[in-house]
All heavy atoms as atom14 arrays in JSON, in Angstrom:
{
  "sequence": "AVDDLRHWRAAVVVQAVPRHSDPVRRTLDALLGPGREVGGAWVWDVR",
  "atom14_mask": [
    [1, 1, 1, 1, 1, 0, 0, 0, 0, 0, 0, 0, 0, 0],
    [1, 1, 1, 1, 1, 1, 1, 0, 0, 0, 0, 0, 0, 0],
    [1, 1, 1, 1, 1, 1, 1, 1, 0, 0, 0, 0, 0, 0],
    [1, 1, 1, 1, 1, 1, 1, 1, 0, 0, 0, 0, 0, 0],
    [1, 1, 1, 1, 1, 1, 1, 1, 0, 0, 0, 0, 0, 0],
    [1, 1, 1, 1, 1, 1, 1, 1, 1, 1, 1, 0, 0, 0],
    [1, 1, 1, 1, 1, 1, 1, 1, 1, 1, 0, 0, 0, 0],
    [1, 1, 1, 1, 1, 1, 1, 1, 1, 1, 1, 1, 1, 1],
    [1, 1, 1, 1, 1, 1, 1, 1, 1, 1, 1, 0, 0, 0],
    [1, 1, 1, 1, 1, 0, 0, 0, 0, 0, 0, 0, 0, 0],
    [1, 1, 1, 1, 1, 0, 0, 0, 0, 0, 0, 0, 0, 0],
    [1, 1, 1, 1, 1, 1, 1, 0, 0, 0, 0, 0, 0, 0],
    [1, 1, 1, 1, 1, 1, 1, 0, 0, 0, 0, 0, 0, 0],
    [1, 1, 1, 1, 1, 1, 1, 0, 0, 0, 0, 0, 0, 0],
    [1, 1, 1, 1, 1, 1, 1, 1, 1, 0, 0, 0, 0, 0],
    [1, 1, 1, 1, 1, 0, 0, 0, 0, 0, 0, 0, 0, 0],
    [1, 1, 1, 1, 1, 1, 1, 0, 0, 0, 0, 0, 0, 0],
    [1, 1, 1, 1, 1, 1, 1, 0, 0, 0, 0, 0, 0, 0],
    [1, 1, 1, 1, 1, 1, 1, 1, 1, 1, 1, 0, 0, 0],
    [1, 1, 1, 1, 1, 1, 1, 1, 1, 1, 0, 0, 0, 0],
    [1, 1, 1, 1, 1, 1, 0, 0, 0, 0, 0, 0, 0, 0],
    [1, 1, 1, 1, 1, 1, 1, 1, 0, 0, 0, 0, 0, 0],
    [1, 1, 1, 1, 1, 1, 1, 0, 0, 0, 0, 0, 0, 0],
    [1, 1, 1, 1, 1, 1, 1, 0, 0, 0, 0, 0, 0, 0],
    [1, 1, 1, 1, 1, 1, 1, 1, 1, 1, 1, 0, 0, 0],
    [1, 1, 1, 1, 1, 1, 1, 1, 1, 1, 1, 0, 0, 0],
    [1, 1, 1, 1, 1, 1, 1, 0, 0, 0, 0, 0, 0, 0],
    [1, 1, 1, 1, 1, 1, 1, 1, 0, 0, 0, 0, 0, 0],
    [1, 1, 1, 1, 1, 1, 1, 1, 0, 0, 0, 0, 0, 0],
    [1, 1, 1, 1, 1, 0, 0, 0, 0, 0, 0, 0, 0, 0],
    [1, 1, 1, 1, 1, 1, 1, 1, 0, 0, 0, 0, 0, 0],
    [1, 1, 1, 1, 1, 1, 1, 1, 0, 0, 0, 0, 0, 0],
    [1, 1, 1, 1, 0, 0, 0, 0, 0, 0, 0, 0, 0, 0],
    [1, 1, 1, 1, 1, 1, 1, 0, 0, 0, 0, 0, 0, 0],
    [1, 1, 1, 1, 0, 0, 0, 0, 0, 0, 0, 0, 0, 0],
    [1, 1, 1, 1, 1, 1, 1, 1, 1, 1, 1, 0, 0, 0],
    [1, 1, 1, 1, 1, 1, 1, 1, 1, 0, 0, 0, 0, 0],
    [1, 1, 1, 1, 1, 1, 1, 0, 0, 0, 0, 0, 0, 0],
    [1, 1, 1, 1, 0, 0, 0, 0, 0, 0, 0, 0, 0, 0],
    [1, 1, 1, 1, 0, 0, 0, 0, 0, 0, 0, 0, 0, 0],
    [1, 1, 1, 1, 1, 0, 0, 0, 0, 0, 0, 0, 0, 0],
    [1, 1, 1, 1, 1, 1, 1, 1, 1, 1, 1, 1, 1, 1],
    [1, 1, 1, 1, 1, 1, 1, 0, 0, 0, 0, 0, 0, 0],
    [1, 1, 1, 1, 1, 1, 1, 1, 1, 1, 1, 1, 1, 1],
    [1, 1, 1, 1, 1, 1, 1, 1, 0, 0, 0, 0, 0, 0],
    [1, 1, 1, 1, 1, 1, 1, 0, 0, 0, 0, 0, 0, 0],
    [1, 1, 1, 1, 1, 1, 1, 1, 1, 1, 1, 0, 0, 0]
  ],
  "atom14_positions": [
    [[0.12, -7.13, 9.62], [0.07, -5.86, 8.87], [-0.95, -4.92, 9.49], [-0.7, -3.71, 9.63], [-0.26, -6.13, 7.4], [0.0, 0.0, 0.0], [0.0, 0.0, 0.0], [0.0, 0.0, 0.0], [0.0, 0.0, 0.0], [0.0, 0.0, 0.0], [0.0, 0.0, 0.0], [0.0, 0.0, 0.0], [0.0, 0.0, 0.0], [0.0, 0.0, 0.0]],
    [[-2.11, -5.45, 9.87], [-3.13, -4.6, 10.49], [-2.63, -4.07, 11.83], [-2.81, -2.88, 12.16], [-4.44, -5.39, 10.67], [-5.44, -4.58, 11.5], [-5.04, -5.74, 9.32], [0.0, 0.0, 0.0], [0.0, 0.0, 0.0], [0.0, 0.0, 0.0], [0.0, 0.0, 0.0], [0.0, 0.0, 0.0], [0.0, 0.0, 0.0], [0.0, 0.0, 0.0]],
    [[-1.97, -4.91, 12.61], [-1.42, -4.46, 13.9], [-0.39, -3.34, 13.67], [-0.37, -2.34, 14.41], [-0.75, -5.62, 14.63], [-1.76, -6.6, 15.2], [-2.95, -6.23, 15.31], [-1.37, -7.74, 15.52], [0.0, 0.0, 0.0], [0.0, 0.0, 0.0], [0.0, 0.0, 0.0], [0.0, 0.0, 0.0], [0.0, 0.0, 0.0], [0.0, 0.0, 0.0]],
    [[0.48, -3.53, 12.67], [1.5, -2.51, 12.4], [0.88, -1.22, 11.91], [1.3, -0.12, 12.32], [2.51, -3.04, 11.37], [3.35, -4.17, 11.92], [3.45, -4.29, 13.16], [3.91, -4.95, 11.12], [0.0, 0.0, 0.0], [0.0, 0.0, 0.0], [0.0, 0.0, 0.0], [0.0, 0.0, 0.0], [0.0, 0.0, 0.0], [0.0, 0.0, 0.0]],
    [[-0.12, -1.31, 11.06], [-0.8, -0.11, 10.58], [-1.5, 0.62, 11.72], [-1.54, 1.86, 11.75], [-1.79, -0.48, 9.48], [-1.17, -0.98, 8.16], [-2.25, -1.55, 7.25], [-0.43, 0.16, 7.46], [0.0, 0.0, 0.0], [0.0, 0.0, 0.0], [0.0, 0.0, 0.0], [0.0, 0.0, 0.0], [0.0, 0.0, 0.0], [0.0, 0.0, 0.0]],
    [[-2.04, -0.12, 12.66], [-2.66, 0.51, 13.83], [-1.59, 1.22, 14.67], [-1.84, 2.32, 15.19], [-3.38, -0.54, 14.66], [-4.72, -0.97, 14.06], [-5.35, -2.1, 14.84], [-6.66, -2.44, 14.28], [-7.26, -3.61, 14.48], [-6.67, -4.53, 15.23], [-8.44, -3.85, 13.93], [0.0, 0.0, 0.0], [0.0, 0.0, 0.0], [0.0, 0.0, 0.0]],
    [[-0.43, 0.58, 14.82], [0.65, 1.23, 15.58], [1.05, 2.54, 14.91], [1.29, 3.54, 15.6], [1.85, 0.29, 15.66], [3.07, 0.94, 16.26], [3.22, 1.13, 17.62], [4.18, 1.49, 15.68], [4.37, 1.74, 17.86], [4.97, 1.97, 16.71], [0.0, 0.0, 0.0], [0.0, 0.0, 0.0], [0.0, 0.0, 0.0], [0.0, 0.0, 0.0]],
    [[1.1, 2.55, 13.58], [1.48, 3.76, 12.84], [0.33, 4.76, 12.71], [0.52, 5.85, 12.19], [1.96, 3.39, 11.44], [3.25, 2.63, 11.41], [4.31, 2.78, 12.25], [3.6, 1.6, 10.48], [5.32, 1.92, 11.9], [4.92, 1.18, 10.81], [2.97, 0.99, 9.4], [5.58, 0.17, 10.11], [3.62, -0.01, 8.7], [4.92, -0.41, 9.06]],
    [[-0.89, 4.33, 13.16], [-2.09, 5.17, 13.02], [-2.32, 5.52, 11.54], [-2.62, 6.66, 11.18], [-1.98, 6.45, 13.85], [-1.81, 6.16, 15.34], [-1.57, 7.4, 16.15], [-1.29, 7.06, 17.54], [-0.89, 7.93, 18.46], [-0.72, 9.21, 18.12], [-0.65, 7.55, 19.69], [0.0, 0.0, 0.0], [0.0, 0.0, 0.0], [0.0, 0.0, 0.0]],
    [[-2.17, 4.54, 10.71], [-2.2, 4.74, 9.26], [-3.63, 5.0, 8.76], [-4.6, 4.43, 9.27], [-1.63, 3.53, 8.54], [0.0, 0.0, 0.0], [0.0, 0.0, 0.0], [0.0, 0.0, 0.0], [0.0, 0.0, 0.0], [0.0, 0.0, 0.0], [0.0, 0.0, 0.0], [0.0, 0.0, 0.0], [0.0, 0.0, 0.0], [0.0, 0.0, 0.0]],
    [[-3.73, 5.85, 7.77], [-4.98, 6.07, 7.04], [-4.85, 5.6, 5.6], [-5.81, 5.1, 5.01], [-5.38, 7.53, 7.07], [0.0, 0.0, 0.0], [0.0, 0.0, 0.0], [0.0, 0.0, 0.0], [0.0, 0.0, 0.0], [0.0, 0.0, 0.0], [0.0, 0.0, 0.0], [0.0, 0.0, 0.0], [0.0, 0.0, 0.0], [0.0, 0.0, 0.0]],
    [[-3.66, 5.75, 5.04], [-3.46, 5.37, 3.64], [-2.02, 4.92, 3.46], [-1.1, 5.47, 4.07], [-3.79, 6.56, 2.7], [-2.86, 7.74, 2.94], [-3.75, 6.15, 1.23], [0.0, 0.0, 0.0], [0.0, 0.0, 0.0], [0.0, 0.0, 0.0], [0.0, 0.0, 0.0], [0.0, 0.0, 0.0], [0.0, 0.0, 0.0], [0.0, 0.0, 0.0]],
    [[-1.84, 3.88, 2.65], [-0.52, 3.38, 2.28], [-0.26, 3.8, 0.85], [-1.13, 3.6, -0.02], [-0.43, 1.85, 2.43], [0.92, 1.33, 1.95], [-0.69, 1.45, 3.88], [0.0, 0.0, 0.0], [0.0, 0.0, 0.0], [0.0, 0.0, 0.0], [0.0, 0.0, 0.0], [0.0, 0.0, 0.0], [0.0, 0.0, 0.0], [0.0, 0.0, 0.0]],
    [[0.93, 4.39, 0.58], [1.21, 4.97, -0.73], [2.55, 4.45, -1.24], [3.54, 4.46, -0.52], [1.25, 6.52, -0.67], [1.45, 7.1, -2.06], [-0.02, 7.05, -0.03], [0.0, 0.0, 0.0], [0.0, 0.0, 0.0], [0.0, 0.0, 0.0], [0.0, 0.0, 0.0], [0.0, 0.0, 0.0], [0.0, 0.0, 0.0], [0.0, 0.0, 0.0]],
    [[2.53, 4.0, -2.5], [3.76, 3.53, -3.14], [4.0, 4.33, -4.41], [3.12, 4.45, -5.26], [3.66, 2.05, -3.49], [4.91, 1.52, -4.17], [4.66, 0.22, -4.91], [3.51, -0.11, -5.19], [5.71, -0.49, -5.24], [0.0, 0.0, 0.0], [0.0, 0.0, 0.0], [0.0, 0.0, 0.0], [0.0, 0.0, 0.0], [0.0, 0.0, 0.0]],
    [[5.2, 4.9, -4.51], [5.57, 5.58, -5.77], [6.06, 4.52, -6.74], [5.42, 3.49, -6.9], [6.64, 6.63, -5.49], [0.0, 0.0, 0.0], [0.0, 0.0, 0.0], [0.0, 0.0, 0.0], [0.0, 0.0, 0.0], [0.0, 0.0, 0.0], [0.0, 0.0, 0.0], [0.0, 0.0, 0.0], [0.0, 0.0, 0.0], [0.0, 0.0, 0.0]],
    [[7.17, 4.74, -7.38], [7.69, 3.76, -8.33], [9.13, 3.43, -7.97], [10.06, 3.81, -8.67], [7.6, 4.29, -9.78], [7.93, 3.17, -10.76], [6.22, 4.83, -10.07], [0.0, 0.0, 0.0], [0.0, 0.0, 0.0], [0.0, 0.0, 0.0], [0.0, 0.0, 0.0], [0.0, 0.0, 0.0], [0.0, 0.0, 0.0], [0.0, 0.0, 0.0]],
    [[9.35, 2.76, -6.84], [10.72, 2.42, -6.46], [11.23, 1.23, -7.25], [10.52, 0.65, -8.06], [10.58, 2.06, -4.98], [9.2, 1.49, -4.89], [8.37, 2.28, -5.87], [0.0, 0.0, 0.0], [0.0, 0.0, 0.0], [0.0, 0.0, 0.0], [0.0, 0.0, 0.0], [0.0, 0.0, 0.0], [0.0, 0.0, 0.0], [0.0, 0.0, 0.0]],
    [[12.49, 0.87, -7.01], [13.07, -0.32, -7.62], [12.24, -1.54, -7.2], [11.84, -1.68, -6.06], [14.53, -0.45, -7.14], [15.28, -1.6, -7.71], [16.77, -1.39, -7.45], [17.03, -1.17, -6.03], [17.53, -2.09, -5.22], [17.84, -3.27, -5.69], [17.75, -1.83, -3.95], [0.0, 0.0, 0.0], [0.0, 0.0, 0.0], [0.0, 0.0, 0.0]],
    [[12.03, -2.47, -8.16], [11.24, -3.67, -7.91], [9.84, -3.3, -7.42], [9.29, -3.9, -6.51], [11.9, -4.58, -6.87], [13.28, -5.03, -7.24], [13.58, -5.53, -8.48], [14.45, -5.05, -6.54], [14.87, -5.87, -8.54], [15.42, -5.56, -7.37], [0.0, 0.0, 0.0], [0.0, 0.0, 0.0], [0.0, 0.0, 0.0], [0.0, 0.0, 0.0]],
    [[9.22, -2.26, -8.04], [7.93, -1.77, -7.54], [6.83, -2.8, -7.72], [5.92, -2.89, -6.89], [7.56, -0.47, -8.25], [7.46, -0.69, -9.66], [0.0, 0.0, 0.0], [0.0, 0.0, 0.0], [0.0, 0.0, 0.0], [0.0, 0.0, 0.0], [0.0, 0.0, 0.0], [0.0, 0.0, 0.0], [0.0, 0.0, 0.0], [0.0, 0.0, 0.0]],
    [[6.86, -3.59, -8.8], [5.78, -4.54, -9.02], [5.73, -5.61, -7.93], [4.65, -5.91, -7.42], [5.89, -5.18, -10.4], [4.68, -6.03, -10.74], [3.57, -5.47, -10.84], [4.84, -7.26, -10.87], [0.0, 0.0, 0.0], [0.0, 0.0, 0.0], [0.0, 0.0, 0.0], [0.0, 0.0, 0.0], [0.0, 0.0, 0.0], [0.0, 0.0, 0.0]],
    [[6.86, -6.21, -7.52], [6.8, -7.16, -6.41], [6.26, -6.54, -5.12], [5.51, -7.19, -4.39], [8.25, -7.62, -6.25], [8.85, -7.44, -7.61], [8.19, -6.22, -8.16], [0.0, 0.0, 0.0], [0.0, 0.0, 0.0], [0.0, 0.0, 0.0], [0.0, 0.0, 0.0], [0.0, 0.0, 0.0], [0.0, 0.0, 0.0], [0.0, 0.0, 0.0]],
    [[6.64, -5.3, -4.84], [6.14, -4.63, -3.63], [4.64, -4.43, -3.74], [3.89, -4.68, -2.78], [6.85, -3.29, -3.4], [6.22, -2.53, -2.25], [8.34, -3.5, -3.14], [0.0, 0.0, 0.0], [0.0, 0.0, 0.0], [0.0, 0.0, 0.0], [0.0, 0.0, 0.0], [0.0, 0.0, 0.0], [0.0, 0.0, 0.0], [0.0, 0.0, 0.0]],
    [[4.17, -3.99, -4.9], [2.73, -3.77, -5.08], [1.96, -5.08, -4.94], [0.91, -5.13, -4.27], [2.46, -3.15, -6.44], [0.96, -2.9, -6.71], [0.74, -2.26, -8.07], [1.21, -3.11, -9.15], [0.53, -4.15, -9.64], [-0.65, -4.47, -9.13], [1.02, -4.86, -10.63], [0.0, 0.0, 0.0], [0.0, 0.0, 0.0], [0.0, 0.0, 0.0]],
    [[2.48, -6.15, -5.53], [1.8, -7.45, -5.43], [1.77, -7.95, -3.99], [0.77, -8.53, -3.53], [2.49, -8.46, -6.34], [2.21, -8.2, -7.82], [3.25, -8.82, -8.74], [3.47, -10.24, -8.46], [4.51, -10.94, -8.91], [5.44, -10.31, -9.63], [4.62, -12.22, -8.65], [0.0, 0.0, 0.0], [0.0, 0.0, 0.0], [0.0, 0.0, 0.0]],
    [[2.84, -7.7, -3.25], [2.85, -8.1, -1.84], [1.82, -7.3, -1.04], [1.11, -7.86, -0.19], [4.26, -7.89, -1.24], [5.21, -8.62, -2.01], [4.31, -8.36, 0.2], [0.0, 0.0, 0.0], [0.0, 0.0, 0.0], [0.0, 0.0, 0.0], [0.0, 0.0, 0.0], [0.0, 0.0, 0.0], [0.0, 0.0, 0.0], [0.0, 0.0, 0.0]],
    [[1.73, -6.01, -1.31], [0.74, -5.18, -0.61], [-0.68, -5.59, -0.99], [-1.58, -5.59, -0.14], [0.98, -3.71, -0.95], [2.13, -3.05, -0.19], [2.5, -1.72, -0.83], [1.77, -2.84, 1.28], [0.0, 0.0, 0.0], [0.0, 0.0, 0.0], [0.0, 0.0, 0.0], [0.0, 0.0, 0.0], [0.0, 0.0, 0.0], [0.0, 0.0, 0.0]],
    [[-0.89, -5.94, -2.25], [-2.21, -6.43, -2.65], [-2.58, -7.68, -1.86], [-3.74, -7.85, -1.44], [-2.23, -6.74, -4.15], [-2.3, -5.48, -5.0], [-2.64, -4.41, -4.46], [-2.01, -5.56, -6.22], [0.0, 0.0, 0.0], [0.0, 0.0, 0.0], [0.0, 0.0, 0.0], [0.0, 0.0, 0.0], [0.0, 0.0, 0.0], [0.0, 0.0, 0.0]],
    [[-1.58, -8.55, -1.66], [-1.84, -9.78, -0.91], [-2.09, -9.5, 0.57], [-2.87, -10.2, 1.23], [-0.66, -10.75, -1.06], [0.0, 0.0, 0.0], [0.0, 0.0, 0.0], [0.0, 0.0, 0.0], [0.0, 0.0, 0.0], [0.0, 0.0, 0.0], [0.0, 0.0, 0.0], [0.0, 0.0, 0.0], [0.0, 0.0, 0.0], [0.0, 0.0, 0.0]],
    [[-1.47, -8.46, 1.09], [-1.64, -8.11, 2.5], [-2.91, -7.33, 2.76], [-3.62, -7.57, 3.76], [-0.44, -7.29, 2.99], [0.88, -8.01, 3.21], [1.99, -6.99, 3.44], [0.78, -8.96, 4.4], [0.0, 0.0, 0.0], [0.0, 0.0, 0.0], [0.0, 0.0, 0.0], [0.0, 0.0, 0.0], [0.0, 0.0, 0.0], [0.0, 0.0, 0.0]],
    [[-3.22, -6.36, 1.87], [-4.27, -5.37, 2.15], [-5.43, -5.4, 1.17], [-6.4, -4.66, 1.36], [-3.65, -3.95, 2.14], [-2.46, -3.73, 3.06], [-1.9, -2.33, 2.87], [-2.85, -3.96, 4.52], [0.0, 0.0, 0.0], [0.0, 0.0, 0.0], [0.0, 0.0, 0.0], [0.0, 0.0, 0.0], [0.0, 0.0, 0.0], [0.0, 0.0, 0.0]],
    [[-5.32, -6.19, 0.13], [-6.33, -6.14, -0.93], [-5.85, -5.25, -2.06], [-4.84, -4.53, -1.93], [0.0, 0.0, 0.0], [0.0, 0.0, 0.0], [0.0, 0.0, 0.0], [0.0, 0.0, 0.0], [0.0, 0.0, 0.0], [0.0, 0.0, 0.0], [0.0, 0.0, 0.0], [0.0, 0.0, 0.0], [0.0, 0.0, 0.0], [0.0, 0.0, 0.0]],
    [[-6.54, -5.26, -3.19], [-6.08, -4.51, -4.36], [-5.99, -3.0, -4.08], [-6.89, -2.41, -3.48], [-7.15, -4.82, -5.42], [-7.82, -6.06, -4.94], [-7.77, -6.01, -3.45], [0.0, 0.0, 0.0], [0.0, 0.0, 0.0], [0.0, 0.0, 0.0], [0.0, 0.0, 0.0], [0.0, 0.0, 0.0], [0.0, 0.0, 0.0], [0.0, 0.0, 0.0]],
    [[-4.89, -2.42, -4.55], [-4.73, -0.97, -4.45], [-5.26, -0.28, -5.7], [-5.65, -0.93, -6.67], [0.0, 0.0, 0.0], [0.0, 0.0, 0.0], [0.0, 0.0, 0.0], [0.0, 0.0, 0.0], [0.0, 0.0, 0.0], [0.0, 0.0, 0.0], [0.0, 0.0, 0.0], [0.0, 0.0, 0.0], [0.0, 0.0, 0.0], [0.0, 0.0, 0.0]],
    [[-5.28, 1.04, -5.67], [-5.72, 1.83, -6.82], [-4.6, 2.77, -7.25], [-3.86, 3.3, -6.41], [-6.95, 2.67, -6.46], [-8.18, 1.86, -6.14], [-9.43, 2.73, -6.1], [-9.3, 3.85, -5.18], [-9.39, 5.14, -5.53], [-9.59, 5.47, -6.8], [-9.29, 6.09, -4.62], [0.0, 0.0, 0.0], [0.0, 0.0, 0.0], [0.0, 0.0, 0.0]],
    [[-4.47, 2.99, -8.55], [-3.48, 3.94, -9.06], [-4.1, 5.33, -9.1], [-5.09, 5.56, -9.81], [-2.99, 3.52, -10.44], [-1.82, 4.38, -10.92], [-1.21, 3.86, -12.2], [-1.74, 2.88, -12.77], [-0.2, 4.45, -12.64], [0.0, 0.0, 0.0], [0.0, 0.0, 0.0], [0.0, 0.0, 0.0], [0.0, 0.0, 0.0], [0.0, 0.0, 0.0]],
    [[-3.54, 6.24, -8.33], [-4.07, 7.6, -8.23], [-2.89, 8.57, -8.26], [-1.98, 8.49, -7.44], [-4.86, 7.81, -6.91], [-5.44, 9.23, -6.87], [-5.93, 6.77, -6.74], [0.0, 0.0, 0.0], [0.0, 0.0, 0.0], [0.0, 0.0, 0.0], [0.0, 0.0, 0.0], [0.0, 0.0, 0.0], [0.0, 0.0, 0.0], [0.0, 0.0, 0.0]],
    [[-2.91, 9.49, -9.2], [-1.91, 10.56, -9.22], [-0.48, 10.07, -9.24], [0.36, 10.59, -8.51], [0.0, 0.0, 0.0], [0.0, 0.0, 0.0], [0.0, 0.0, 0.0], [0.0, 0.0, 0.0], [0.0, 0.0, 0.0], [0.0, 0.0, 0.0], [0.0, 0.0, 0.0], [0.0, 0.0, 0.0], [0.0, 0.0, 0.0], [0.0, 0.0, 0.0]],
    [[-0.18, 9.07, -10.06], [1.19, 8.58, -10.16], [1.64, 7.74, -9.0], [2.85, 7.57, -8.8], [0.0, 0.0, 0.0], [0.0, 0.0, 0.0], [0.0, 0.0, 0.0], [0.0, 0.0, 0.0], [0.0, 0.0, 0.0], [0.0, 0.0, 0.0], [0.0, 0.0, 0.0], [0.0, 0.0, 0.0], [0.0, 0.0, 0.0], [0.0, 0.0, 0.0]],
    [[0.72, 7.2, -8.21], [1.07, 6.37, -7.07], [0.04, 5.26, -6.91], [-1.11, 5.4, -7.35], [1.15, 7.2, -5.8], [0.0, 0.0, 0.0], [0.0, 0.0, 0.0], [0.0, 0.0, 0.0], [0.0, 0.0, 0.0], [0.0, 0.0, 0.0], [0.0, 0.0, 0.0], [0.0, 0.0, 0.0], [0.0, 0.0, 0.0], [0.0, 0.0, 0.0]],
    [[0.46, 4.16, -6.31], [-0.49, 3.13, -5.9], [-0.93, 3.42, -4.47], [-0.1, 3.71, -3.6], [0.16, 1.75, -6.0], [0.25, 1.26, -7.42], [1.31, 1.35, -8.25], [-0.79, 0.63, -8.14], [1.0, 0.82, -9.47], [-0.29, 0.36, -9.44], [-2.11, 0.25, -7.85], [-1.04, -0.27, -10.43], [-2.87, -0.38, -8.83], [-2.34, -0.63, -10.1]],
    [[-2.25, 3.36, -4.24], [-2.83, 3.79, -2.97], [-3.69, 2.67, -2.4], [-4.51, 2.07, -3.11], [-3.68, 5.06, -3.17], [-4.36, 5.46, -1.87], [-2.82, 6.2, -3.72], [0.0, 0.0, 0.0], [0.0, 0.0, 0.0], [0.0, 0.0, 0.0], [0.0, 0.0, 0.0], [0.0, 0.0, 0.0], [0.0, 0.0, 0.0], [0.0, 0.0, 0.0]],
    [[-3.48, 2.42, -1.1], [-4.31, 1.47, -0.36], [-4.98, 2.22, 0.79], [-4.3, 2.69, 1.71], [-3.47, 0.32, 0.19], [-2.96, -0.62, -0.84], [-3.49, -1.81, -1.23], [-1.78, -0.44, -1.64], [-2.74, -2.39, -2.21], [-1.67, -1.57, -2.49], [-0.81, 0.56, -1.74], [-0.65, -1.71, -3.41], [0.2, 0.42, -2.66], [0.29, -0.7, -3.49]],
    [[-6.29, 2.34, 0.73], [-7.05, 3.0, 1.79], [-7.27, 1.99, 2.92], [-7.97, 0.98, 2.73], [-8.39, 3.48, 1.23], [-9.2, 4.29, 2.23], [-8.83, 4.3, 3.42], [-10.21, 4.89, 1.83], [0.0, 0.0, 0.0], [0.0, 0.0, 0.0], [0.0, 0.0, 0.0], [0.0, 0.0, 0.0], [0.0, 0.0, 0.0], [0.0, 0.0, 0.0]],
    [[-6.67, 2.25, 4.08], [-6.73, 1.27, 5.17], [-7.53, 1.8, 6.36], [-7.46, 1.23, 7.45], [-5.3, 0.89, 5.62], [-4.54, 0.19, 4.5], [-4.53, 2.1, 6.13], [0.0, 0.0, 0.0], [0.0, 0.0, 0.0], [0.0, 0.0, 0.0], [0.0, 0.0, 0.0], [0.0, 0.0, 0.0], [0.0, 0.0, 0.0], [0.0, 0.0, 0.0]],
    [[-8.31, 2.84, 6.15], [-9.04, 3.41, 7.27], [-10.01, 2.42, 7.89], [-10.14, 2.32, 9.11], [-9.78, 4.67, 6.82], [-8.88, 5.86, 6.57], [-9.64, 7.02, 5.98], [-10.09, 6.73, 4.61], [-10.79, 7.58, 3.86], [-11.15, 8.75, 4.38], [-11.14, 7.24, 2.64], [0.0, 0.0, 0.0], [0.0, 0.0, 0.0], [0.0, 0.0, 0.0]]
  ]
}
């Protein structure tokens, strides 16, 4: 995940509320650590 984020030059990962959003959020928490809910989205600061 870190390698892929570096390839994308990512600063922040953002999830709205797609189908099966809770499983996606839990997977991201396991990959990147706990996210924060900000402005109607889950946000992972990966800088």
